[in-house]
Amino acid sequence: MEFLDLGTTAFLVFFGFMAAFIDSVVGGGGLISIPALLWTGLPPVLALGTNKCAAVMGALTSFITFVRSGKVDGYLMKRLFPLSFLGSALGVLAVQMVPPDILRPLVIVMLVAVLIYSICKKDWGKENKYAGMSTRLLLLAGLVSFALGFYDGFFGPGTGSFLLFALLTVGFDFLGAAANARTLNFASNISAVIFFGTLGQIEYAYAIPMGLSMIAGAYCGSTMALKKGVGYVRPLFIIMTTILIGKLAMDLLR
């Protein structure tokens, strides 16, 4: 394993912290961490695998923080976690064969719909109205978890936004949705790391320093969300979704 120079290490540590701080609450950290890795010269697929390896450290941190806060629904997550894990594994395998950019136009349209709905329903997600799921709704939630897990392993941008939106629709408030979304995102991240690692698509010299800084960023971000509550999470969700749409649209036009 090669050793990075001090300047590159400091660069990765800074952007890793910032990415995890945002990602721990509403997702979208990849908008910061992946361009940072690409800037260092890593090829795109290697950057994706390295980013997943670093991100899983931050995801684990925010997952543990939210579990300790009591905001994670254990009954629901025990059923959805394996499906998100499996979906991500299949997504990583698929991305080796199919260019993920084919999804970009569809993702932009879906994110715009999510953003408009979130802005128009101003009281949406302020109160936790979740009271469990029927068998039919649980099956649908399982399908969504699998699909978004696959999407995260295959392409990734917007996974946090889609997970948060899905959990809001079943009655969680923004904080509860963020906590459970991070749990499912942790499942898809750890699965992707295992398979990217097996395929030799992780540069550990880059992933380790960035991942360690992501631990600190995720802890600060999730702790801030728990202290500030829904009033902090909702606007951050809207801001990051807007930025994500803009980034994907610019990439598409190029």
Protein backbone atom coordinates (compact mmCIF):
# COMPACT_ATOMS: atom_id res chain seq x y z
CA MET A 1 0.00 0.00 0.00
CA GLU A 2 1.42 3.36 -1.04
CA PHE A 3 1.65 6.26 1.40
CA LEU A 4 0.18 9.63 0.48
CA ASP A 5 1.96 12.93 0.85
CA LEU A 6 0.85 15.26 3.64
CA GLY A 7 -0.95 17.67 1.30
CA THR A 8 -3.11 14.96 -0.31
CA THR A 9 -3.87 13.43 3.08
CA ALA A 10 -4.97 16.80 4.51
CA PHE A 11 -7.12 17.37 1.41
CA LEU A 12 -8.90 14.03 1.82
CA VAL A 13 -9.33 14.51 5.58
CA PHE A 14 -10.97 17.92 5.14
CA PHE A 15 -13.39 16.90 2.42
CA GLY A 16 -14.10 13.57 4.11
CA PHE A 17 -15.20 15.38 7.27
CA MET A 18 -17.44 17.78 5.34
CA ALA A 19 -18.98 14.97 3.28
CA ALA A 20 -19.78 12.83 6.31
CA PHE A 21 -21.21 15.74 8.28
CA ILE A 22 -23.84 16.27 5.57
CA ASP A 23 -24.27 12.62 4.66
CA SER A 24 -24.95 11.53 8.24
CA VAL A 25 -28.21 13.49 8.24
CA VAL A 26 -29.70 13.70 4.74
CA GLY A 27 -27.27 11.94 2.42
CA GLY A 28 -25.52 13.60 -0.50
CA GLY A 29 -22.02 13.34 0.94
CA GLY A 30 -20.84 11.70 -2.25
CA LEU A 31 -21.25 15.07 -3.98
CA ILE A 32 -18.25 16.17 -1.93
CA SER A 33 -16.17 13.02 -1.43
CA ILE A 34 -16.28 11.52 -4.94
CA PRO A 35 -15.12 14.71 -6.74
CA ALA A 36 -12.37 15.03 -4.12
CA LEU A 37 -11.15 11.50 -4.88
CA LEU A 38 -11.36 12.09 -8.63
CA TRP A 39 -9.34 15.29 -8.19
CA THR A 40 -6.48 13.23 -6.73
CA GLY A 41 -6.33 11.28 -10.00
CA LEU A 42 -8.19 8.07 -9.19
CA PRO A 43 -10.11 6.46 -12.09
CA PRO A 44 -13.93 6.73 -11.77
CA VAL A 45 -14.74 3.12 -10.75
CA LEU A 46 -11.81 3.03 -8.33
CA ALA A 47 -13.00 6.36 -6.88
CA LEU A 48 -16.49 4.89 -6.36
CA GLY A 49 -15.12 1.84 -4.52
CA THR A 50 -12.71 3.93 -2.44
CA ASN A 51 -15.51 6.34 -1.55
CA LYS A 52 -17.73 3.47 -0.37
CA CYS A 53 -14.91 2.12 1.82
CA ALA A 54 -14.42 5.52 3.45
CA ALA A 55 -18.15 6.27 3.65
CA VAL A 56 -18.97 3.04 5.48
CA MET A 57 -16.87 4.26 8.44
CA GLY A 58 -18.95 7.42 8.66
CA ALA A 59 -22.18 5.49 8.07
CA LEU A 60 -21.38 3.13 10.94
CA THR A 61 -20.73 6.09 13.23
CA SER A 62 -24.00 7.86 12.44
CA PHE A 63 -25.84 4.51 12.62
CA ILE A 64 -24.55 3.86 16.15
CA THR A 65 -25.30 7.44 17.23
CA PHE A 66 -28.89 7.25 16.00
CA VAL A 67 -29.43 3.77 17.51
CA ARG A 68 -28.28 5.05 20.90
CA SER A 69 -30.70 7.96 20.61
CA GLY A 70 -33.64 5.55 20.25
CA LYS A 71 -34.64 7.00 16.86
CA VAL A 72 -34.10 3.77 14.91
CA ASP A 73 -37.09 1.43 14.57
CA GLY A 74 -35.50 -1.95 15.37
CA TYR A 75 -38.46 -4.06 14.23
CA LEU A 76 -38.61 -2.41 10.82
CA MET A 77 -34.87 -2.19 10.23
CA LYS A 78 -34.29 -5.90 11.05
CA ARG A 79 -36.54 -6.70 8.10
CA LEU A 80 -35.31 -4.07 5.65
CA PHE A 81 -31.57 -4.11 6.42
CA PRO A 82 -30.85 -7.48 4.68
CA LEU A 83 -32.78 -6.42 1.59
CA SER A 84 -30.80 -3.19 1.26
CA PHE A 85 -27.59 -5.21 1.73
CA LEU A 86 -28.52 -7.73 -0.98
CA GLY A 87 -29.70 -5.06 -3.41
CA SER A 88 -26.42 -3.15 -3.09
CA ALA A 89 -24.37 -6.30 -3.75
CA LEU A 90 -26.26 -6.92 -6.99
CA GLY A 91 -25.87 -3.25 -7.93
CA VAL A 92 -22.07 -3.42 -7.56
CA LEU A 93 -21.97 -6.50 -9.79
CA ALA A 94 -24.21 -4.80 -12.37
CA VAL A 95 -22.09 -1.63 -12.54
CA GLN A 96 -19.14 -3.73 -13.75
CA MET A 97 -21.14 -4.54 -16.90
CA VAL A 98 -23.48 -1.60 -17.53
CA PRO A 99 -22.59 2.15 -17.55
CA PRO A 100 -24.48 3.75 -14.62
CA ASP A 101 -24.96 7.05 -16.47
CA ILE A 102 -28.02 5.61 -18.21
CA LEU A 103 -29.91 6.33 -14.97
CA ARG A 104 -28.95 10.00 -14.72
CA PRO A 105 -31.97 11.56 -16.57
CA LEU A 106 -34.48 9.44 -14.65
CA VAL A 107 -32.83 10.24 -11.31
CA ILE A 108 -32.99 13.98 -12.02
CA VAL A 109 -36.73 13.79 -12.76
CA MET A 110 -37.38 11.76 -9.59
CA LEU A 111 -35.33 14.12 -7.42
CA VAL A 112 -37.18 17.14 -8.81
CA ALA A 113 -40.49 15.46 -7.88
CA VAL A 114 -39.19 14.74 -4.37
CA LEU A 115 -38.01 18.33 -3.97
CA ILE A 116 -41.27 19.91 -5.17
CA TYR A 117 -43.36 17.67 -2.93
CA SER A 118 -41.15 18.41 0.10
CA ILE A 119 -41.33 22.18 -0.45
CA CYS A 120 -45.09 22.27 -1.09
CA LYS A 121 -45.99 20.20 1.98
CA LYS A 122 -44.59 22.58 4.57
CA ASP A 123 -45.90 20.68 7.60
CA TRP A 124 -44.78 17.32 6.24
CA GLY A 125 -42.44 15.45 8.55
CA LYS A 126 -42.82 17.78 11.52
CA GLU A 127 -44.52 15.14 13.67
CA ASN A 128 -43.90 11.42 13.93
CA LYS A 129 -47.12 9.69 12.84
CA TYR A 130 -45.61 6.29 12.19
CA ALA A 131 -47.62 3.56 13.92
CA GLY A 132 -46.37 0.39 12.27
CA MET A 133 -47.01 -1.25 8.90
CA SER A 134 -49.53 -3.66 7.47
CA THR A 135 -48.18 -6.79 5.78
CA ARG A 136 -48.81 -5.26 2.36
CA LEU A 137 -47.00 -2.03 3.24
CA LEU A 138 -44.11 -3.98 4.76
CA LEU A 139 -43.71 -5.94 1.52
CA LEU A 140 -43.70 -2.69 -0.43
CA ALA A 141 -41.11 -1.22 1.95
CA GLY A 142 -38.98 -4.32 1.41
CA LEU A 143 -39.15 -3.88 -2.35
CA VAL A 144 -38.21 -0.19 -2.05
CA SER A 145 -35.29 -1.02 0.27
CA PHE A 146 -33.99 -3.64 -2.16
CA ALA A 147 -34.38 -1.30 -5.16
CA LEU A 148 -32.64 1.63 -3.43
CA GLY A 149 -29.90 -0.70 -2.19
CA PHE A 150 -29.36 -1.83 -5.79
CA TYR A 151 -29.35 1.80 -6.94
CA ASP A 152 -26.78 2.73 -4.27
CA GLY A 153 -24.41 -0.03 -5.35
CA PHE A 154 -24.99 0.68 -9.05
CA PHE A 155 -24.98 4.50 -9.19
CA GLY A 156 -25.56 6.13 -5.82
CA PRO A 157 -26.32 9.88 -6.05
CA GLY A 158 -29.59 10.71 -4.31
CA THR A 159 -29.90 7.45 -2.35
CA GLY A 160 -30.12 9.33 0.95
CA SER A 161 -32.80 11.65 -0.43
CA PHE A 162 -34.89 8.76 -1.78
CA LEU A 163 -34.61 6.78 1.47
CA LEU A 164 -35.58 9.81 3.53
CA PHE A 165 -38.53 10.54 1.26
CA ALA A 166 -39.74 6.92 1.40
CA LEU A 167 -39.66 6.86 5.20
CA LEU A 168 -41.44 10.21 5.42
CA THR A 169 -44.30 8.81 3.33
CA VAL A 170 -45.01 6.10 5.92
CA GLY A 171 -45.30 8.62 8.75
CA PHE A 172 -41.84 9.23 10.23
CA ASP A 173 -40.85 12.80 11.03
CA PHE A 174 -37.70 14.17 9.39
CA LEU A 175 -35.45 13.18 12.29
CA GLY A 176 -36.84 9.65 12.55
CA ALA A 177 -36.67 9.26 8.77
CA ALA A 178 -33.04 10.44 8.79
CA ALA A 179 -32.10 7.94 11.51
CA ASN A 180 -33.69 4.96 9.77
CA ALA A 181 -32.46 6.07 6.33
CA ARG A 182 -28.90 6.08 7.64
CA THR A 183 -29.42 2.53 8.91
CA LEU A 184 -30.45 1.30 5.45
CA ASN A 185 -27.68 3.35 3.84
CA PHE A 186 -25.17 1.67 6.16
CA ALA A 187 -26.41 -1.71 4.93
CA SER A 188 -25.94 -0.78 1.27
CA ASN A 189 -22.56 0.82 1.98
CA ILE A 190 -21.06 -2.15 3.80
CA SER A 191 -22.33 -4.51 1.11
CA ALA A 192 -20.79 -2.34 -1.62
CA VAL A 193 -17.47 -2.24 0.24
CA ILE A 194 -17.32 -6.04 0.46
CA PHE A 195 -17.95 -6.48 -3.25
CA PHE A 196 -15.83 -3.53 -4.46
CA GLY A 197 -13.01 -4.90 -2.29
CA THR A 198 -13.42 -8.40 -3.74
CA LEU A 199 -13.20 -6.91 -7.23
CA GLY A 200 -10.05 -4.94 -6.31
CA GLN A 201 -11.74 -1.55 -6.77
CA ILE A 202 -10.61 0.13 -3.50
CA GLU A 203 -7.49 2.23 -2.98
CA TYR A 204 -6.97 1.80 0.77
CA ALA A 205 -4.24 4.46 1.06
CA TYR A 206 -6.92 7.00 0.12
CA ALA A 207 -9.88 5.34 1.84
CA ILE A 208 -8.36 5.04 5.33
CA PRO A 209 -7.49 8.72 6.04
CA MET A 210 -10.70 9.91 4.42
CA GLY A 211 -12.70 7.30 6.35
CA LEU A 212 -11.19 8.26 9.70
CA SER A 213 -12.16 11.89 9.13
CA MET A 214 -15.64 10.69 8.11
CA ILE A 215 -16.04 9.09 11.53
CA ALA A 216 -15.58 12.51 13.13
CA GLY A 217 -17.80 14.22 10.56
CA ALA A 218 -20.60 11.67 10.94
CA TYR A 219 -20.54 11.94 14.72
CA CYS A 220 -20.72 15.74 14.61
CA GLY A 221 -23.44 15.73 11.95
CA SER A 222 -25.73 13.17 13.60
CA THR A 223 -25.25 14.75 17.03
CA MET A 224 -26.14 18.15 15.59
CA ALA A 225 -29.29 16.69 14.00
CA LEU A 226 -30.40 15.15 17.31
CA LYS A 227 -29.86 18.46 19.12
CA LYS A 228 -31.48 20.71 16.50
CA GLY A 229 -34.32 18.35 15.54
CA VAL A 230 -36.71 18.50 12.58
CA GLY A 231 -36.20 22.23 12.06
CA TYR A 232 -32.57 21.53 11.13
CA VAL A 233 -33.03 18.35 9.06
CA ARG A 234 -35.82 19.55 6.74
CA PRO A 235 -34.07 22.63 5.27
CA LEU A 236 -30.80 20.70 4.99
CA PHE A 237 -32.65 17.98 3.06
CA ILE A 238 -34.13 20.56 0.67
CA ILE A 239 -30.78 22.31 0.17
CA MET A 240 -28.83 19.11 -0.52
CA THR A 241 -31.50 17.72 -2.87
CA THR A 242 -31.42 21.00 -4.84
CA ILE A 243 -27.62 20.89 -5.09
CA LEU A 244 -27.73 17.24 -6.14
CA ILE A 245 -30.22 18.01 -8.94
CA GLY A 246 -28.00 20.83 -10.19
CA LYS A 247 -24.88 18.64 -10.16
CA LEU A 248 -26.55 15.78 -12.01
CA ALA A 249 -28.08 18.16 -14.55
CA MET A 250 -24.69 19.77 -15.29
CA ASP A 251 -23.10 16.34 -15.71
CA LEU A 252 -25.87 15.34 -18.10
CA LEU A 253 -25.47 18.49 -20.22
CA ARG A 254 -21.74 17.85 -20.50
